Amino acid sequence: QVQLVESGGGLVQAGGSLRLSCVASGRTFSMYTMGWFRQAPGKEREFVAAISWRGAITYYADSVKGRFTISRDNAKNTVYLQMNSLKPEDTAVYYCAAAWGSIATMSSPLKYAYWGQGTQVTVSS
């Protein structure tokens, strides 16, 4: 069982930056693939980024590639999402998610068993 708590959301102007954090409970954090997803009002939840359990593999949605960076610190049970050059279309609730072990389809929300409560990111134009 893993509990996830996100933080770092807020209001930022277009072109600005934010760093989201997700802290996980438990002693097996290093064994989980971690992902970030987002959901805008009236839209389905979409994949943003994921990182393998050892951090060797990262994967990004095309819409954020080159602007967002996912990383993890297993000693702190924390995964991060550094978001630069933010756009109004990045506005959404951002969710952290965990999947046990190595997963083949890192972008599929169905592969993740544990989810945080979400943190709001609002980008003004």
N, C-alpha and C. Protein backbone atom coordinates (compact mmCIF):
# COMPACT_ATOMS: atom_id res chain seq x y z
N GLN A 1 0.84 -1.19 0.00
CA GLN A 1 0.00 0.00 0.00
C GLN A 1 0.88 1.24 0.00
N VAL A 2 0.55 2.18 -0.86
CA VAL A 2 1.31 3.42 -0.99
C VAL A 2 0.34 4.59 -0.90
N GLN A 3 0.71 5.58 -0.12
CA GLN A 3 -0.06 6.82 -0.09
C GLN A 3 0.79 7.93 -0.69
N LEU A 4 0.16 8.72 -1.54
CA LEU A 4 0.87 9.75 -2.29
C LEU A 4 0.29 11.12 -1.96
N VAL A 5 1.15 12.09 -1.72
CA VAL A 5 0.71 13.44 -1.42
C VAL A 5 1.48 14.42 -2.31
N GLU A 6 0.72 15.12 -3.16
CA GLU A 6 1.33 16.09 -4.06
C GLU A 6 1.35 17.49 -3.42
N SER A 7 2.27 18.30 -3.87
CA SER A 7 2.34 19.70 -3.47
C SER A 7 3.05 20.49 -4.55
N GLY A 8 2.99 21.81 -4.44
CA GLY A 8 3.73 22.66 -5.35
C GLY A 8 2.90 23.34 -6.42
N GLY A 9 1.63 23.02 -6.49
CA GLY A 9 0.78 23.68 -7.47
C GLY A 9 0.54 25.14 -7.12
N GLY A 10 -0.07 25.86 -8.05
CA GLY A 10 -0.37 27.26 -7.80
C GLY A 10 -0.72 28.00 -9.07
N LEU A 11 -0.72 29.32 -8.96
CA LEU A 11 -1.03 30.20 -10.08
C LEU A 11 0.27 30.81 -10.60
N VAL A 12 0.47 30.74 -11.90
CA VAL A 12 1.69 31.28 -12.50
C VAL A 12 1.34 31.88 -13.85
N GLN A 13 2.10 32.87 -14.25
CA GLN A 13 1.89 33.47 -15.57
C GLN A 13 2.50 32.60 -16.65
N ALA A 14 1.96 32.74 -17.84
CA ALA A 14 2.50 32.01 -18.99
C ALA A 14 4.00 32.31 -19.13
N GLY A 15 4.77 31.27 -19.40
CA GLY A 15 6.21 31.40 -19.49
C GLY A 15 6.93 31.13 -18.18
N GLY A 16 6.18 31.04 -17.11
CA GLY A 16 6.77 30.81 -15.80
C GLY A 16 7.04 29.34 -15.53
N SER A 17 7.47 29.08 -14.30
CA SER A 17 7.85 27.72 -13.90
C SER A 17 7.22 27.34 -12.57
N LEU A 18 7.02 26.06 -12.40
CA LEU A 18 6.59 25.48 -11.12
C LEU A 18 7.28 24.13 -10.97
N ARG A 19 7.49 23.72 -9.73
CA ARG A 19 7.98 22.38 -9.46
C ARG A 19 7.00 21.66 -8.54
N LEU A 20 6.46 20.58 -9.04
CA LEU A 20 5.56 19.75 -8.25
C LEU A 20 6.37 18.67 -7.54
N SER A 21 5.92 18.33 -6.35
CA SER A 21 6.52 17.25 -5.58
C SER A 21 5.45 16.24 -5.20
N CYS A 22 5.86 15.01 -5.08
CA CYS A 22 4.94 13.95 -4.64
C CYS A 22 5.72 13.07 -3.66
N VAL A 23 5.26 13.06 -2.42
CA VAL A 23 5.91 12.26 -1.40
C VAL A 23 5.10 11.00 -1.17
N ALA A 24 5.79 9.86 -1.16
CA ALA A 24 5.14 8.56 -0.98
C ALA A 24 5.45 7.98 0.39
N SER A 25 4.45 7.31 0.95
CA SER A 25 4.67 6.61 2.20
C SER A 25 5.24 5.23 1.90
N GLY A 26 5.76 4.56 2.92
CA GLY A 26 6.23 3.20 2.74
C GLY A 26 7.71 3.11 2.46
N ARG A 27 8.23 1.87 2.60
CA ARG A 27 9.67 1.65 2.47
C ARG A 27 10.07 1.05 1.14
N THR A 28 9.10 0.88 0.23
CA THR A 28 9.40 0.25 -1.05
C THR A 28 9.23 1.21 -2.22
N PHE A 29 9.34 2.50 -1.95
CA PHE A 29 9.14 3.51 -3.00
C PHE A 29 10.03 3.24 -4.21
N SER A 30 11.25 2.82 -3.98
CA SER A 30 12.20 2.62 -5.07
C SER A 30 11.77 1.52 -6.03
N MET A 31 10.80 0.71 -5.64
CA MET A 31 10.34 -0.39 -6.49
C MET A 31 9.18 0.03 -7.40
N TYR A 32 8.73 1.27 -7.31
CA TYR A 32 7.57 1.72 -8.07
C TYR A 32 7.96 2.58 -9.27
N THR A 33 7.32 2.32 -10.38
CA THR A 33 7.32 3.29 -11.49
C THR A 33 6.39 4.42 -11.07
N MET A 34 6.84 5.66 -11.29
CA MET A 34 6.04 6.82 -10.89
C MET A 34 5.63 7.63 -12.12
N GLY A 35 4.41 8.13 -12.07
CA GLY A 35 3.91 8.91 -13.19
C GLY A 35 3.20 10.17 -12.74
N TRP A 36 3.13 11.12 -13.63
CA TRP A 36 2.33 12.33 -13.45
C TRP A 36 1.27 12.36 -14.55
N PHE A 37 0.05 12.64 -14.13
CA PHE A 37 -1.07 12.80 -15.05
C PHE A 37 -1.74 14.13 -14.74
N ARG A 38 -2.58 14.59 -15.65
CA ARG A 38 -3.32 15.82 -15.39
C ARG A 38 -4.72 15.72 -15.97
N GLN A 39 -5.60 16.52 -15.39
CA GLN A 39 -6.98 16.54 -15.86
C GLN A 39 -7.51 17.96 -15.82
N ALA A 40 -7.87 18.47 -17.00
CA ALA A 40 -8.46 19.79 -17.11
C ALA A 40 -9.98 19.67 -17.04
N PRO A 41 -10.67 20.73 -16.67
CA PRO A 41 -12.14 20.68 -16.58
C PRO A 41 -12.77 20.22 -17.88
N GLY A 42 -13.64 19.24 -17.79
CA GLY A 42 -14.35 18.75 -18.97
C GLY A 42 -13.55 17.84 -19.87
N LYS A 43 -12.34 17.50 -19.44
CA LYS A 43 -11.48 16.64 -20.26
C LYS A 43 -11.10 15.38 -19.49
N GLU A 44 -10.66 14.38 -20.23
CA GLU A 44 -10.22 13.14 -19.60
C GLU A 44 -8.82 13.33 -19.00
N ARG A 45 -8.52 12.46 -18.05
CA ARG A 45 -7.19 12.48 -17.47
C ARG A 45 -6.18 12.07 -18.53
N GLU A 46 -5.07 12.82 -18.61
CA GLU A 46 -4.07 12.52 -19.63
C GLU A 46 -2.69 12.36 -19.02
N PHE A 47 -1.90 11.56 -19.68
CA PHE A 47 -0.53 11.29 -19.26
C PHE A 47 0.35 12.51 -19.47
N VAL A 48 1.26 12.75 -18.52
CA VAL A 48 2.22 13.85 -18.64
C VAL A 48 3.65 13.31 -18.72
N ALA A 49 4.05 12.53 -17.72
CA ALA A 49 5.42 12.04 -17.67
C ALA A 49 5.49 10.84 -16.74
N ALA A 50 6.52 10.01 -16.92
CA ALA A 50 6.73 8.87 -16.05
C ALA A 50 8.22 8.59 -15.93
N ILE A 51 8.57 7.91 -14.83
CA ILE A 51 9.97 7.58 -14.59
C ILE A 51 10.02 6.16 -14.02
N SER A 52 10.97 5.39 -14.50
CA SER A 52 11.08 4.00 -14.06
C SER A 52 11.55 3.93 -12.61
N TRP A 53 11.46 2.73 -12.05
CA TRP A 53 11.71 2.58 -10.62
C TRP A 53 13.14 2.92 -10.22
N ARG A 54 14.08 2.76 -11.12
CA ARG A 54 15.46 3.15 -10.81
C ARG A 54 15.81 4.53 -11.36
N GLY A 55 14.86 5.12 -12.09
CA GLY A 55 15.10 6.44 -12.65
C GLY A 55 15.87 6.44 -13.96
N ALA A 56 16.14 5.28 -14.51
CA ALA A 56 16.95 5.20 -15.73
C ALA A 56 16.15 5.54 -16.98
N ILE A 57 14.83 5.35 -16.90
CA ILE A 57 13.98 5.58 -18.06
C ILE A 57 12.95 6.66 -17.73
N THR A 58 12.85 7.64 -18.60
CA THR A 58 11.80 8.66 -18.48
C THR A 58 11.02 8.71 -19.78
N TYR A 59 9.79 9.12 -19.66
CA TYR A 59 8.90 9.14 -20.83
C TYR A 59 7.96 10.33 -20.68
N TYR A 60 7.75 11.05 -21.79
CA TYR A 60 6.97 12.28 -21.74
C TYR A 60 5.89 12.31 -22.82
N ALA A 61 4.81 12.98 -22.50
CA ALA A 61 3.83 13.29 -23.53
C ALA A 61 4.44 14.30 -24.49
N ASP A 62 4.06 14.22 -25.75
CA ASP A 62 4.61 15.13 -26.74
C ASP A 62 4.34 16.59 -26.38
N SER A 63 3.21 16.83 -25.74
CA SER A 63 2.81 18.20 -25.42
C SER A 63 3.71 18.88 -24.39
N VAL A 64 4.48 18.09 -23.64
CA VAL A 64 5.32 18.67 -22.58
C VAL A 64 6.80 18.40 -22.82
N LYS A 65 7.12 17.62 -23.81
CA LYS A 65 8.51 17.26 -24.08
C LYS A 65 9.35 18.51 -24.32
N GLY A 66 10.48 18.59 -23.62
CA GLY A 66 11.35 19.75 -23.76
C GLY A 66 11.04 20.87 -22.79
N ARG A 67 9.89 20.79 -22.13
CA ARG A 67 9.50 21.83 -21.16
C ARG A 67 9.42 21.27 -19.74
N PHE A 68 9.01 20.02 -19.60
CA PHE A 68 8.85 19.40 -18.29
C PHE A 68 9.95 18.36 -18.08
N THR A 69 10.35 18.19 -16.83
CA THR A 69 11.34 17.18 -16.47
C THR A 69 10.87 16.42 -15.24
N ILE A 70 10.82 15.11 -15.34
CA ILE A 70 10.48 14.28 -14.19
C ILE A 70 11.76 13.72 -13.60
N SER A 71 11.79 13.66 -12.27
CA SER A 71 12.94 13.09 -11.58
C SER A 71 12.47 12.48 -10.27
N ARG A 72 13.36 11.71 -9.64
CA ARG A 72 12.98 11.09 -8.38
C ARG A 72 14.18 11.03 -7.45
N ASP A 73 13.88 11.07 -6.16
CA ASP A 73 14.90 10.91 -5.13
C ASP A 73 14.40 9.77 -4.24
N ASN A 74 14.92 8.58 -4.45
CA ASN A 74 14.42 7.42 -3.71
C ASN A 74 14.76 7.50 -2.23
N ALA A 75 15.80 8.21 -1.88
CA ALA A 75 16.15 8.36 -0.47
C ALA A 75 15.11 9.21 0.28
N LYS A 76 14.42 10.06 -0.47
CA LYS A 76 13.40 10.94 0.12
C LYS A 76 11.98 10.50 -0.22
N ASN A 77 11.86 9.36 -0.90
CA ASN A 77 10.53 8.87 -1.31
C ASN A 77 9.75 9.92 -2.08
N THR A 78 10.43 10.63 -2.95
CA THR A 78 9.81 11.77 -3.62
C THR A 78 10.05 11.73 -5.12
N VAL A 79 9.03 12.08 -5.86
CA VAL A 79 9.15 12.28 -7.31
C VAL A 79 8.78 13.74 -7.60
N TYR A 80 9.48 14.30 -8.57
CA TYR A 80 9.31 15.71 -8.89
C TYR A 80 8.87 15.87 -10.35
N LEU A 81 8.20 17.00 -10.59
CA LEU A 81 7.91 17.40 -11.97
C LEU A 81 8.26 18.87 -12.09
N GLN A 82 9.37 19.14 -12.75
CA GLN A 82 9.78 20.51 -13.02
C GLN A 82 9.10 20.97 -14.30
N MET A 83 8.34 22.04 -14.19
CA MET A 83 7.57 22.52 -15.34
C MET A 83 8.05 23.93 -15.71
N ASN A 84 8.62 24.05 -16.89
CA ASN A 84 9.11 25.32 -17.39
C ASN A 84 8.31 25.76 -18.61
N SER A 85 8.43 27.03 -18.95
CA SER A 85 7.75 27.57 -20.13
C SER A 85 6.27 27.19 -20.14
N LEU A 86 5.63 27.40 -19.02
CA LEU A 86 4.23 26.98 -18.88
C LEU A 86 3.31 27.76 -19.80
N LYS A 87 2.29 27.07 -20.26
CA LYS A 87 1.30 27.64 -21.17
C LYS A 87 -0.08 27.56 -20.53
N PRO A 88 -0.99 28.41 -20.95
CA PRO A 88 -2.36 28.33 -20.39
C PRO A 88 -2.98 26.94 -20.56
N GLU A 89 -2.63 26.25 -21.62
CA GLU A 89 -3.19 24.90 -21.84
C GLU A 89 -2.62 23.86 -20.90
N ASP A 90 -1.64 24.23 -20.08
CA ASP A 90 -1.14 23.33 -19.05
C ASP A 90 -2.00 23.38 -17.79
N THR A 91 -2.95 24.29 -17.75
CA THR A 91 -3.83 24.41 -16.59
C THR A 91 -4.62 23.13 -16.38
N ALA A 92 -4.53 22.58 -15.18
CA ALA A 92 -5.19 21.31 -14.86
C ALA A 92 -4.91 20.96 -13.41
N VAL A 93 -5.59 19.93 -12.94
CA VAL A 93 -5.20 19.29 -11.69
C VAL A 93 -4.18 18.22 -12.05
N TYR A 94 -3.06 18.25 -11.36
CA TYR A 94 -1.97 17.31 -11.62
C TYR A 94 -1.96 16.23 -10.55
N TYR A 95 -1.90 14.98 -11.01
CA TYR A 95 -1.93 13.83 -10.12
C TYR A 95 -0.64 13.03 -10.22
N CYS A 96 -0.17 12.58 -9.09
CA CYS A 96 0.94 11.66 -9.00
C CYS A 96 0.38 10.24 -8.90
N ALA A 97 1.05 9.28 -9.52
CA ALA A 97 0.57 7.90 -9.51
C ALA A 97 1.74 6.93 -9.40
N ALA A 98 1.47 5.74 -8.83
CA ALA A 98 2.52 4.75 -8.62
C ALA A 98 2.08 3.39 -9.17
N ALA A 99 3.01 2.73 -9.83
CA ALA A 99 2.77 1.39 -10.36
C ALA A 99 3.90 0.49 -9.89
N TRP A 100 3.56 -0.70 -9.40
CA TRP A 100 4.59 -1.60 -8.86
C TRP A 100 5.50 -2.11 -9.96
N GLY A 101 6.79 -1.99 -9.74
CA GLY A 101 7.78 -2.57 -10.63
C GLY A 101 7.91 -1.84 -11.95
N SER A 102 8.38 -2.58 -12.92
CA SER A 102 8.59 -2.04 -14.26
C SER A 102 7.34 -2.32 -15.09
N ILE A 103 6.83 -1.31 -15.78
CA ILE A 103 5.63 -1.50 -16.59
C ILE A 103 5.95 -1.15 -18.04
N ALA A 104 5.31 -1.86 -18.94
CA ALA A 104 5.61 -1.67 -20.36
C ALA A 104 4.97 -0.40 -20.91
N THR A 105 3.77 -0.08 -20.45
CA THR A 105 3.05 1.07 -20.99
C THR A 105 2.98 2.14 -19.91
N MET A 106 4.00 2.96 -19.83
CA MET A 106 4.09 3.93 -18.74
C MET A 106 3.06 5.04 -18.86
N SER A 107 2.49 5.21 -20.04
CA SER A 107 1.53 6.30 -20.25
C SER A 107 0.09 5.91 -19.95
N SER A 108 -0.17 4.65 -19.66
CA SER A 108 -1.55 4.21 -19.43
C SER A 108 -1.93 4.37 -17.97
N PRO A 109 -2.95 5.15 -17.67
CA PRO A 109 -3.38 5.29 -16.27
C PRO A 109 -3.86 3.97 -15.68
N LEU A 110 -4.26 3.03 -16.51
CA LEU A 110 -4.75 1.75 -16.02
C LEU A 110 -3.65 0.94 -15.35
N LYS A 111 -2.39 1.26 -15.65
CA LYS A 111 -1.27 0.52 -15.08
C LYS A 111 -0.93 0.97 -13.66
N TYR A 112 -1.48 2.08 -13.22
CA TYR A 112 -1.12 2.66 -11.93
C TYR A 112 -2.20 2.35 -10.89
N ALA A 113 -1.76 1.76 -9.79
CA ALA A 113 -2.71 1.33 -8.77
C ALA A 113 -2.95 2.39 -7.70
N TYR A 114 -2.01 3.29 -7.53
CA TYR A 114 -2.10 4.26 -6.44
C TYR A 114 -2.04 5.68 -7.00
N TRP A 115 -2.89 6.54 -6.41
CA TRP A 115 -3.03 7.92 -6.89
C TRP A 115 -3.04 8.89 -5.72
N GLY A 116 -2.48 10.07 -5.96
CA GLY A 116 -2.59 11.14 -4.99
C GLY A 116 -3.89 11.90 -5.16
N GLN A 117 -4.07 12.91 -4.34
CA GLN A 117 -5.33 13.67 -4.35
C GLN A 117 -5.33 14.78 -5.39
N GLY A 118 -4.16 15.09 -5.91
CA GLY A 118 -4.05 16.11 -6.96
C GLY A 118 -3.68 17.48 -6.43
N THR A 119 -3.04 18.27 -7.28
CA THR A 119 -2.69 19.65 -6.96
C THR A 119 -3.01 20.51 -8.18
N GLN A 120 -3.63 21.66 -7.93
CA GLN A 120 -4.08 22.52 -9.02
C GLN A 120 -2.94 23.37 -9.56
N VAL A 121 -2.82 23.37 -10.87
CA VAL A 121 -1.89 24.26 -11.57
C VAL A 121 -2.70 25.15 -12.50
N THR A 122 -2.56 26.46 -12.34
CA THR A 122 -3.29 27.41 -13.18
C THR A 122 -2.28 28.35 -13.84
N VAL A 123 -2.32 28.40 -15.16
CA VAL A 123 -1.40 29.25 -15.91
C VAL A 123 -2.22 30.35 -16.58
N SER A 124 -1.93 31.58 -16.22
CA SER A 124 -2.67 32.71 -16.77
C SER A 124 -1.96 33.25 -18.01
N SER A 125 -2.75 33.77 -18.94
CA SER A 125 -2.16 34.29 -20.19
C SER A 125 -1.82 35.76 -20.07
